[in-house]
Amino acid sequence: MQTFINPSKEKWAEIIQRPQIDNASHHDIVSAILLDVKQNGDEAVKKYSFRFDDVALDELKVSEKEIEDAVLSITDELKNAILLAKENIEKFHHSQNEEIKIIETSPGVVCWRKSVAIERVGLYIPGGTAPLFSTLLMLGIPALLAGCKQIIVCTPPDKNGKIASGILYVAHLLGLKNIFKIGGIQAIAAMAYGTKSISCVYKIFGPGNQYVTTAKQIISSQGIAIDMPAGPSEIAVYADESCHPSYVASDLLSQAEHGTDSQVMVVASSKKIIDDIEIEIAIQIKSLSRKNIIVQSLANSRFIVLENINDAFELLNNYAPEHLIIASDNAAVLSERVINAGSVFLGHYSAESCGDYASGTNHTLPTNGNARAYSGVSIDSYVKKITFQKVSKEGLEAIGNAVEVMANAEGLDAHKNAISIRLKTVANEI
């Protein structure tokens, strides 16, 4: 990992730059596959599943028997762990439901806002080397709590046409029935456009590789909503003299194992902290099964020493990390300085892995600097906010003249007339 000692602000933009990913180069390939699935439905989906996943599928939908078998294959230890995570995620996300508040803005004028669930949503759950059943918990639970009527789940099968047992167990636990053995671009296309087997959805959620990301970007431009712009996973850690270097190293390594394009960053208050963390990385990496991936990921990563704490958090806010750990005895106070981050972990025992699995917060978060303007997945992601207003005769008299004056000033006579015609009627009734 490259180390920078008190770099000047002029160099910050270059130092915190993410690995460059040329999604534009995938655009033509992805567009062609999207169009093929749009035109040819299930047959195109099966064709690309054979081409990319090396699996010949007769049926795209997971059967009840497959789900039953998966439930039986899961150990009690894992079931209990998943149940704990489920309960915590439900508790946290349930608290996000809003009560309707009716506000009288003027006498006789009442306004309110109501959350209404998106009727059809699609959840993409990555498979491959790390089938992420935890992502189904993170996406499925808020969708259910929000009240989405139809939830489609797509996840890639292995070469035998099987879905990871953990994913199917979570689907069973949540009561999700529409599970399909589809991955990659063809999964995004199937959910976006619909096929004979799969109903189209209004919004698609979930992480994926560069091709999935490009597919989501393209269908977003066509009017199908997506959760957020996505990129490789990332973590930033602020570490001062009170940090535990072994803990910090473990968090960096846990994030680096996601993929070779992941990025980890440390902003420390002294060079000694950096040195101690590097020693711990060298020790811990030896025993990790995904060591080869981690080594490549660390090549994208940065150590930065900033002795001035104001500079440290200014740089971190400029970076806007997906995950931010504040490894300090003073974490609660320092957290007030955070403006841009997907999810923040305070203190020495708040491992990033806790948020990935079981603390209760959502792990589907904005990456690639998008935390400057985007939030992680929540109940809000699955609802629309519809506003209502009711204006009585008294209310029309209270605001009518102001509306007439403003409409007239903008040259919108019909707007003014819609008020005037009512005011005349009200005046004649008096």
Protein backbone atom coordinates (compact mmCIF):
# COMPACT_ATOMS: atom_id res chain seq x y z
CA MET A 1 0.00 0.00 0.00
CA GLN A 2 1.25 3.46 -0.87
CA THR A 3 1.90 5.82 2.05
CA PHE A 4 1.55 9.61 2.00
CA ILE A 5 2.78 11.82 4.85
CA ASN A 6 0.83 15.06 5.42
CA PRO A 7 0.10 15.55 1.71
CA SER A 8 -0.94 19.02 0.60
CA LYS A 9 -4.59 19.56 -0.30
CA GLU A 10 -3.60 20.04 -3.93
CA LYS A 11 -2.62 16.36 -4.04
CA TRP A 12 -5.66 14.95 -2.27
CA ALA A 13 -7.80 14.41 -5.37
CA GLU A 14 -5.10 12.30 -6.97
CA ILE A 15 -4.36 10.34 -3.78
CA ILE A 16 -7.99 9.37 -3.08
CA GLN A 17 -8.82 8.45 -6.66
CA ARG A 18 -10.57 5.11 -7.04
CA PRO A 19 -9.35 2.39 -9.41
CA GLN A 20 -10.57 3.35 -12.86
CA ILE A 21 -13.16 1.01 -14.34
CA ASP A 22 -14.01 1.38 -18.01
CA ASN A 23 -17.67 0.39 -17.98
CA ALA A 24 -18.06 2.19 -21.32
CA SER A 25 -16.14 -0.61 -23.00
CA HIS A 26 -18.86 -3.05 -21.88
CA HIS A 27 -21.71 -0.90 -23.11
CA ASP A 28 -22.19 -2.41 -26.58
CA ILE A 29 -21.97 -6.00 -25.32
CA VAL A 30 -24.40 -5.35 -22.49
CA SER A 31 -26.83 -3.42 -24.70
CA ALA A 32 -26.96 -6.28 -27.20
CA ILE A 33 -27.77 -8.83 -24.51
CA LEU A 34 -30.41 -6.59 -22.96
CA LEU A 35 -32.10 -6.19 -26.34
CA ASP A 36 -31.95 -9.92 -27.06
CA VAL A 37 -33.65 -10.76 -23.76
CA LYS A 38 -36.21 -8.01 -24.31
CA GLN A 39 -37.10 -9.49 -27.71
CA ASN A 40 -36.69 -13.22 -27.06
CA GLY A 41 -37.42 -13.63 -23.36
CA ASP A 42 -36.75 -16.96 -21.66
CA GLU A 43 -34.94 -18.49 -24.61
CA ALA A 44 -32.40 -15.69 -24.63
CA VAL A 45 -32.01 -15.96 -20.86
CA LYS A 46 -31.26 -19.69 -21.14
CA LYS A 47 -28.84 -19.06 -24.00
CA TYR A 48 -26.76 -16.61 -21.99
CA SER A 49 -26.94 -18.76 -18.87
CA PHE A 50 -25.33 -21.54 -20.89
CA ARG A 51 -22.77 -19.20 -22.43
CA PHE A 52 -21.68 -17.39 -19.28
CA ASP A 53 -22.52 -19.78 -16.42
CA ASP A 54 -21.99 -23.03 -18.32
CA VAL A 55 -25.36 -24.36 -17.23
CA ALA A 56 -28.24 -25.69 -19.34
CA LEU A 57 -31.54 -24.84 -17.67
CA ASP A 58 -34.92 -26.39 -18.39
CA GLU A 59 -36.72 -24.41 -15.70
CA LEU A 60 -35.69 -20.96 -14.57
CA LYS A 61 -37.75 -20.87 -11.39
CA VAL A 62 -36.49 -22.60 -8.26
CA SER A 63 -38.89 -25.37 -7.24
CA GLU A 64 -40.38 -25.86 -3.78
CA LYS A 65 -38.48 -29.17 -3.57
CA GLU A 66 -35.17 -27.37 -4.12
CA ILE A 67 -36.01 -24.93 -1.33
CA GLU A 68 -37.04 -27.77 1.00
CA ASP A 69 -33.77 -29.61 0.33
CA ALA A 70 -31.77 -26.45 0.98
CA VAL A 71 -33.53 -25.89 4.32
CA LEU A 72 -32.63 -29.42 5.42
CA SER A 73 -28.99 -28.99 4.43
CA ILE A 74 -28.35 -25.91 6.55
CA THR A 75 -26.75 -26.51 9.95
CA ASP A 76 -28.54 -25.40 13.09
CA GLU A 77 -25.58 -23.17 13.89
CA LEU A 78 -25.97 -21.26 10.62
CA LYS A 79 -29.76 -21.14 10.97
CA ASN A 80 -29.42 -19.56 14.41
CA ALA A 81 -26.90 -17.03 13.11
CA ILE A 82 -29.19 -16.06 10.23
CA LEU A 83 -32.17 -15.78 12.60
CA LEU A 84 -30.25 -13.37 14.85
CA ALA A 85 -29.26 -11.25 11.85
CA LYS A 86 -32.85 -11.31 10.56
CA GLU A 87 -34.24 -10.11 13.87
CA ASN A 88 -31.76 -7.24 14.14
CA ILE A 89 -32.24 -6.13 10.53
CA GLU A 90 -36.02 -6.21 11.02
CA LYS A 91 -35.82 -4.17 14.24
CA PHE A 92 -33.70 -1.46 12.69
CA HIS A 93 -35.60 -1.20 9.42
CA HIS A 94 -39.05 -1.39 11.05
CA SER A 95 -38.16 1.78 12.95
CA GLN A 96 -37.90 3.60 9.62
CA ASN A 97 -41.63 3.40 8.89
CA GLU A 98 -43.13 6.89 9.13
CA GLU A 99 -46.44 7.88 10.64
CA ILE A 100 -48.68 10.13 8.58
CA LYS A 101 -48.60 13.70 9.89
CA ILE A 102 -51.43 15.98 8.85
CA ILE A 103 -50.27 19.62 8.79
CA GLU A 104 -52.61 22.62 8.59
CA THR A 105 -50.56 25.12 6.60
CA SER A 106 -53.27 27.80 6.58
CA PRO A 107 -56.76 27.80 8.12
CA GLY A 108 -58.74 25.28 6.07
CA VAL A 109 -55.69 23.95 4.18
CA VAL A 110 -54.35 20.57 5.29
CA CYS A 111 -51.46 18.66 3.73
CA TRP A 112 -49.92 15.27 4.43
CA ARG A 113 -47.52 12.76 2.98
CA LYS A 114 -47.99 9.01 2.72
CA SER A 115 -45.46 6.27 1.99
CA VAL A 116 -46.75 3.82 -0.60
CA ALA A 117 -44.82 0.68 -1.46
CA ILE A 118 -43.44 0.12 -4.94
CA GLU A 119 -45.62 -2.73 -6.19
CA ARG A 120 -42.99 -4.77 -8.06
CA VAL A 121 -39.31 -4.96 -7.14
CA GLY A 122 -36.44 -7.15 -8.30
CA LEU A 123 -33.57 -8.27 -6.09
CA TYR A 124 -30.27 -9.36 -7.65
CA ILE A 125 -28.21 -11.58 -5.33
CA PRO A 126 -24.62 -12.26 -6.44
CA GLY A 127 -23.41 -15.85 -6.57
CA GLY A 128 -20.07 -16.98 -7.93
CA THR A 129 -17.22 -17.45 -5.46
CA ALA A 130 -19.21 -15.89 -2.60
CA PRO A 131 -22.99 -16.50 -2.74
CA LEU A 132 -24.24 -13.61 -0.64
CA PHE A 133 -27.26 -14.88 1.29
CA SER A 134 -26.71 -11.91 3.61
CA THR A 135 -27.61 -9.60 0.72
CA LEU A 136 -30.99 -11.32 0.40
CA LEU A 137 -31.62 -10.51 4.07
CA MET A 138 -30.59 -6.90 3.49
CA LEU A 139 -32.76 -6.44 0.40
CA GLY A 140 -35.66 -8.75 1.17
CA ILE A 141 -36.48 -7.58 4.70
CA PRO A 142 -37.05 -3.88 3.91
CA ALA A 143 -39.01 -4.85 0.79
CA LEU A 144 -41.35 -6.94 2.91
CA LEU A 145 -41.61 -4.33 5.67
CA ALA A 146 -42.41 -1.67 3.08
CA GLY A 147 -45.25 -3.82 1.73
CA CYS A 148 -44.04 -4.54 -1.81
CA LYS A 149 -46.63 -6.86 -3.36
CA GLN A 150 -44.35 -8.71 -5.77
CA ILE A 151 -40.69 -9.49 -5.08
CA ILE A 152 -38.61 -11.21 -7.75
CA VAL A 153 -35.23 -12.69 -6.78
CA CYS A 154 -32.58 -13.57 -9.36
CA THR A 155 -29.32 -15.27 -8.46
CA PRO A 156 -26.84 -17.25 -10.60
CA PRO A 157 -26.73 -21.05 -10.31
CA ASP A 158 -23.65 -23.25 -10.20
CA LYS A 159 -22.73 -25.52 -13.13
CA ASN A 160 -25.20 -28.11 -11.86
CA GLY A 161 -28.03 -25.63 -11.95
CA LYS A 162 -28.17 -25.35 -8.17
CA ILE A 163 -28.59 -22.23 -6.04
CA ALA A 164 -26.53 -21.87 -2.88
CA SER A 165 -28.40 -23.41 0.07
CA GLY A 166 -27.89 -20.30 2.21
CA ILE A 167 -29.72 -18.13 -0.31
CA LEU A 168 -32.63 -20.56 -0.57
CA TYR A 169 -32.86 -20.88 3.21
CA VAL A 170 -33.12 -17.10 3.58
CA ALA A 171 -35.75 -17.02 0.84
CA HIS A 172 -37.71 -19.67 2.75
CA LEU A 173 -37.28 -17.79 6.02
CA LEU A 174 -38.61 -14.56 4.48
CA GLY A 175 -41.41 -16.30 2.61
CA LEU A 176 -40.12 -15.32 -0.83
CA LYS A 177 -41.46 -17.60 -3.56
CA ASN A 178 -40.33 -16.13 -6.87
CA ILE A 179 -36.68 -17.22 -6.97
CA PHE A 180 -35.02 -17.61 -10.37
CA LYS A 181 -31.74 -19.27 -11.40
CA ILE A 182 -30.47 -16.37 -13.44
CA GLY A 183 -27.34 -14.28 -13.09
CA GLY A 184 -25.52 -11.50 -14.88
CA ILE A 185 -26.86 -9.20 -17.56
CA GLN A 186 -29.64 -11.60 -18.48
CA ALA A 187 -31.04 -11.41 -14.93
CA ILE A 188 -31.21 -7.61 -15.01
CA ALA A 189 -32.83 -7.76 -18.46
CA ALA A 190 -35.41 -10.34 -17.40
CA MET A 191 -36.49 -8.28 -14.39
CA ALA A 192 -36.48 -5.02 -16.35
CA TYR A 193 -38.48 -6.18 -19.36
CA GLY A 194 -40.23 -9.31 -18.18
CA THR A 195 -40.36 -12.71 -19.87
CA LYS A 196 -42.87 -15.56 -19.99
CA SER A 197 -41.48 -16.86 -16.69
CA ILE A 198 -40.62 -13.59 -14.96
CA SER A 199 -42.80 -10.54 -14.40
CA CYS A 200 -41.20 -7.18 -15.07
CA VAL A 201 -40.48 -4.97 -12.06
CA TYR A 202 -40.45 -1.24 -11.44
CA LYS A 203 -37.17 -1.06 -9.50
CA ILE A 204 -34.10 -3.30 -9.31
CA PHE A 205 -31.82 -3.68 -6.30
CA GLY A 206 -28.56 -5.43 -5.62
CA PRO A 207 -24.81 -5.42 -6.29
CA GLY A 208 -22.98 -7.20 -9.08
CA ASN A 209 -19.92 -7.25 -11.28
CA GLN A 210 -19.04 -4.64 -13.89
CA TYR A 211 -21.43 -6.14 -16.44
CA VAL A 212 -24.34 -6.16 -13.99
CA THR A 213 -23.51 -2.59 -13.01
CA THR A 214 -23.48 -1.50 -16.65
CA ALA A 215 -26.77 -3.29 -17.29
CA LYS A 216 -28.39 -1.48 -14.36
CA GLN A 217 -27.09 1.85 -15.63
CA ILE A 218 -28.56 1.21 -19.09
CA ILE A 219 -32.00 0.08 -17.91
CA SER A 220 -32.05 3.06 -15.54
CA SER A 221 -31.73 5.35 -18.56
CA GLN A 222 -34.75 3.54 -20.04
CA GLY A 223 -37.04 4.34 -17.13
CA ILE A 224 -36.58 1.35 -14.82
CA ALA A 225 -35.46 2.57 -11.40
CA ILE A 226 -32.39 1.15 -9.64
CA ASP A 227 -31.26 1.35 -6.04
CA MET A 228 -28.11 3.42 -6.62
CA PRO A 229 -25.01 3.71 -8.81
CA ALA A 230 -22.63 0.94 -7.77
CA GLY A 231 -18.92 0.25 -7.88
CA PRO A 232 -16.36 -1.93 -6.14
CA SER A 233 -16.50 -2.26 -2.35
CA GLU A 234 -14.41 0.12 -0.25
CA ILE A 235 -13.57 1.07 3.31
CA ALA A 236 -11.79 3.99 4.95
CA VAL A 237 -10.49 3.95 8.52
CA TYR A 238 -9.56 6.90 10.68
CA ALA A 239 -7.05 5.66 13.27
CA ASP A 240 -5.44 7.59 16.11
CA GLU A 241 -3.06 6.56 18.92
CA SER A 242 -5.86 4.77 20.77
CA CYS A 243 -6.59 2.35 17.93
CA HIS A 244 -5.81 -1.37 18.00
CA PRO A 245 -3.61 -1.97 14.92
CA SER A 246 -4.63 -5.63 14.76
CA TYR A 247 -8.32 -4.67 14.65
CA VAL A 248 -7.75 -2.08 11.94
CA ALA A 249 -5.72 -4.55 9.86
CA SER A 250 -8.48 -7.15 10.16
CA ASP A 251 -11.08 -4.67 8.90
CA LEU A 252 -8.91 -3.70 5.94
CA LEU A 253 -8.37 -7.34 5.01
CA SER A 254 -12.06 -8.19 5.37
CA GLN A 255 -12.97 -5.53 2.85
CA ALA A 256 -10.07 -6.29 0.51
CA GLU A 257 -11.24 -9.89 0.08
CA HIS A 258 -14.41 -8.78 -1.72
CA GLY A 259 -12.59 -8.44 -5.04
CA THR A 260 -9.41 -7.40 -6.77
CA ASP A 261 -10.92 -4.00 -7.54
CA SER A 262 -11.85 -3.25 -3.91
CA GLN A 263 -10.11 -0.36 -2.21
CA VAL A 264 -9.11 0.17 1.41
CA MET A 265 -7.73 3.34 2.94
CA VAL A 266 -6.31 4.41 6.31
CA VAL A 267 -6.05 8.00 7.47
CA ALA A 268 -3.88 7.98 10.60
CA SER A 269 -2.64 10.62 12.99
CA SER A 270 0.96 9.34 12.94
CA LYS A 271 3.36 7.26 10.87
CA LYS A 272 3.85 4.80 13.75
CA ILE A 273 0.19 3.82 13.54
CA ILE A 274 0.64 3.06 9.84
CA ASP A 275 3.74 0.98 10.53
CA ASP A 276 1.96 -1.04 13.22
CA ILE A 277 -1.03 -1.71 10.96
CA GLU A 278 1.24 -2.86 8.13
CA ILE A 279 2.93 -5.35 10.45
CA GLU A 280 -0.46 -6.76 11.42
CA ILE A 281 -1.56 -7.02 7.79
CA ALA A 282 1.55 -9.05 6.99
CA ILE A 283 0.83 -11.41 9.89
CA GLN A 284 -2.89 -11.90 9.30
CA ILE A 285 -2.87 -12.23 5.52
CA LYS A 286 -0.86 -15.46 5.65
CA SER A 287 -3.78 -17.53 6.93
CA LEU A 288 -6.55 -16.09 4.74
CA SER A 289 -8.13 -18.25 2.03
CA ARG A 290 -8.64 -15.33 -0.37
CA LYS A 291 -5.06 -14.10 -0.01
CA ASN A 292 -4.48 -13.78 -3.78
CA ILE A 293 -7.51 -11.50 -4.17
CA ILE A 294 -6.49 -9.45 -1.14
CA VAL A 295 -2.96 -8.87 -2.43
CA GLN A 296 -4.31 -7.45 -5.70
CA SER A 297 -6.85 -5.32 -3.86
CA LEU A 298 -4.19 -3.82 -1.59
CA ALA A 299 -2.41 -2.52 -4.67
CA ASN A 300 -5.33 -0.08 -5.07
CA SER A 301 -5.13 1.05 -1.49
CA ARG A 302 -3.66 3.97 0.45
CA PHE A 303 -2.11 4.86 3.81
CA ILE A 304 -2.29 8.57 4.59
CA VAL A 305 -0.83 10.36 7.58
CA LEU A 306 -2.59 13.61 8.49
CA GLU A 307 -1.58 14.97 11.88
CA ASN A 308 -4.20 17.71 11.74
CA ILE A 309 -7.57 16.16 12.62
CA ASN A 310 -9.52 18.80 10.67
CA ASP A 311 -7.58 17.88 7.54
CA ALA A 312 -8.10 14.18 8.22
CA PHE A 313 -11.90 14.44 8.24
CA GLU A 314 -11.97 16.93 5.38
CA LEU A 315 -10.12 14.37 3.26
CA LEU A 316 -12.40 11.54 4.41
CA ASN A 317 -15.49 13.58 3.54
CA ASN A 318 -14.00 14.31 0.13
CA TYR A 319 -13.45 10.58 -0.36
CA ALA A 320 -17.03 9.77 0.78
CA PRO A 321 -16.40 6.10 1.57
CA GLU A 322 -18.94 3.31 1.43
CA HIS A 323 -17.82 2.23 4.92
CA LEU A 324 -16.04 4.46 7.44
CA ILE A 325 -14.53 3.16 10.66
CA ILE A 326 -13.47 5.62 13.35
CA ALA A 327 -10.93 3.61 15.35
CA SER A 328 -10.59 5.92 18.33
CA ASP A 329 -11.56 6.22 21.98
CA ASN A 330 -13.10 9.52 20.91
CA ALA A 331 -15.17 8.02 18.08
CA ALA A 332 -18.56 9.36 19.18
CA VAL A 333 -17.33 12.97 19.21
CA LEU A 334 -15.38 12.55 15.98
CA SER A 335 -18.45 11.12 14.24
CA GLU A 336 -20.00 14.60 14.32
CA ARG A 337 -17.43 15.57 11.69
CA VAL A 338 -18.74 12.99 9.20
CA ILE A 339 -20.69 14.47 6.30
CA ASN A 340 -20.21 11.94 3.50
CA ALA A 341 -20.25 8.18 4.15
CA GLY A 342 -22.48 5.21 3.45
CA SER A 343 -22.28 3.65 6.92
CA VAL A 344 -20.12 4.62 9.91
CA PHE A 345 -18.64 2.25 12.52
CA LEU A 346 -17.67 3.81 15.84
CA GLY A 347 -14.99 2.62 18.21
CA HIS A 348 -12.78 -0.42 18.51
CA TYR A 349 -15.40 -3.17 18.53
CA SER A 350 -17.62 -2.01 15.66
CA ALA A 351 -16.07 -4.25 13.01
CA GLU A 352 -17.28 -3.56 9.51
CA SER A 353 -18.28 -7.22 9.33
CA CYS A 354 -20.96 -6.49 11.97
CA GLY A 355 -22.72 -4.19 9.53
CA ASP A 356 -22.28 -6.67 6.71
CA TYR A 357 -24.22 -9.31 8.59
CA ALA A 358 -25.95 -8.75 11.87
CA SER A 359 -25.88 -5.33 13.56
CA GLY A 360 -29.12 -4.36 11.83
CA THR A 361 -28.01 -1.63 9.42
CA ASN A 362 -28.12 -2.30 5.69
CA HIS A 363 -24.98 -3.34 3.84
CA THR A 364 -26.18 -2.23 0.40
CA LEU A 365 -24.44 1.14 0.32
CA PRO A 366 -23.29 3.84 -2.13
CA THR A 367 -19.75 3.37 -3.43
CA ASN A 368 -17.37 5.25 -5.70
CA GLY A 369 -17.97 8.58 -3.96
CA ASN A 370 -21.74 8.40 -4.40
CA ALA A 371 -22.17 8.74 -0.63
CA ARG A 372 -21.93 12.48 -1.26
CA ALA A 373 -25.48 12.37 -2.60
CA TYR A 374 -26.91 8.87 -2.10
CA SER A 375 -28.01 6.85 0.94
CA GLY A 376 -27.81 3.14 1.58
CA VAL A 377 -30.83 0.90 1.07
CA SER A 378 -33.62 1.41 3.61
CA ILE A 379 -37.40 1.27 3.85
CA ASP A 380 -37.40 4.56 1.90
CA SER A 381 -35.81 2.77 -1.05
CA TYR A 382 -38.93 0.64 -1.48
CA VAL A 383 -41.60 3.31 -1.21
CA LYS A 384 -42.78 6.43 -2.99
CA LYS A 385 -43.78 9.46 -0.97
CA ILE A 386 -47.15 10.71 -2.21
CA THR A 387 -48.37 14.09 -1.00
CA PHE A 388 -52.03 14.92 -0.40
CA GLN A 389 -53.85 18.18 0.25
CA LYS A 390 -57.42 19.13 1.06
CA VAL A 391 -58.57 22.74 0.73
CA SER A 392 -61.92 23.79 2.22
CA LYS A 393 -63.87 26.91 1.29
CA GLU A 394 -62.18 28.64 4.19
CA GLY A 395 -58.82 27.44 2.95
CA LEU A 396 -59.47 28.66 -0.58
CA GLU A 397 -60.26 32.10 0.79
CA ALA A 398 -57.04 31.99 2.83
CA ILE A 399 -54.67 31.21 -0.04
CA GLY A 400 -56.70 31.84 -3.19
CA ASN A 401 -55.71 35.46 -3.72
CA ALA A 402 -52.02 34.63 -3.32
CA VAL A 403 -52.33 31.89 -5.95
CA GLU A 404 -54.11 34.29 -8.33
CA VAL A 405 -51.42 36.94 -7.93
CA MET A 406 -48.57 34.47 -8.46
CA ALA A 407 -50.24 32.81 -11.46
CA ASN A 408 -50.91 36.19 -13.02
CA ALA A 409 -47.28 37.23 -12.50
CA GLU A 410 -46.14 34.11 -14.35
CA GLY A 411 -48.58 34.73 -17.18
CA LEU A 412 -50.55 31.53 -16.53
CA ASP A 413 -54.14 32.73 -16.93
CA ALA A 414 -55.72 29.28 -16.74
CA HIS A 415 -54.06 28.67 -13.38
CA LYS A 416 -55.49 31.94 -12.10
CA ASN A 417 -58.91 31.14 -13.53
CA ALA A 418 -59.05 27.79 -11.70
CA ILE A 419 -58.93 29.77 -8.47
CA SER A 420 -61.08 32.74 -9.56
CA ILE A 421 -64.00 30.61 -10.69
CA ARG A 422 -64.13 28.91 -7.30
CA LEU A 423 -63.76 32.14 -5.30
CA LYS A 424 -66.72 33.66 -7.17
CA THR A 425 -68.86 30.66 -6.27
CA VAL A 426 -67.84 30.87 -2.64
CA ALA A 427 -68.53 34.61 -2.56
CA ASN A 428 -72.04 34.10 -4.02
CA GLU A 429 -72.85 31.58 -1.29
CA ILE A 430 -72.18 34.10 1.45
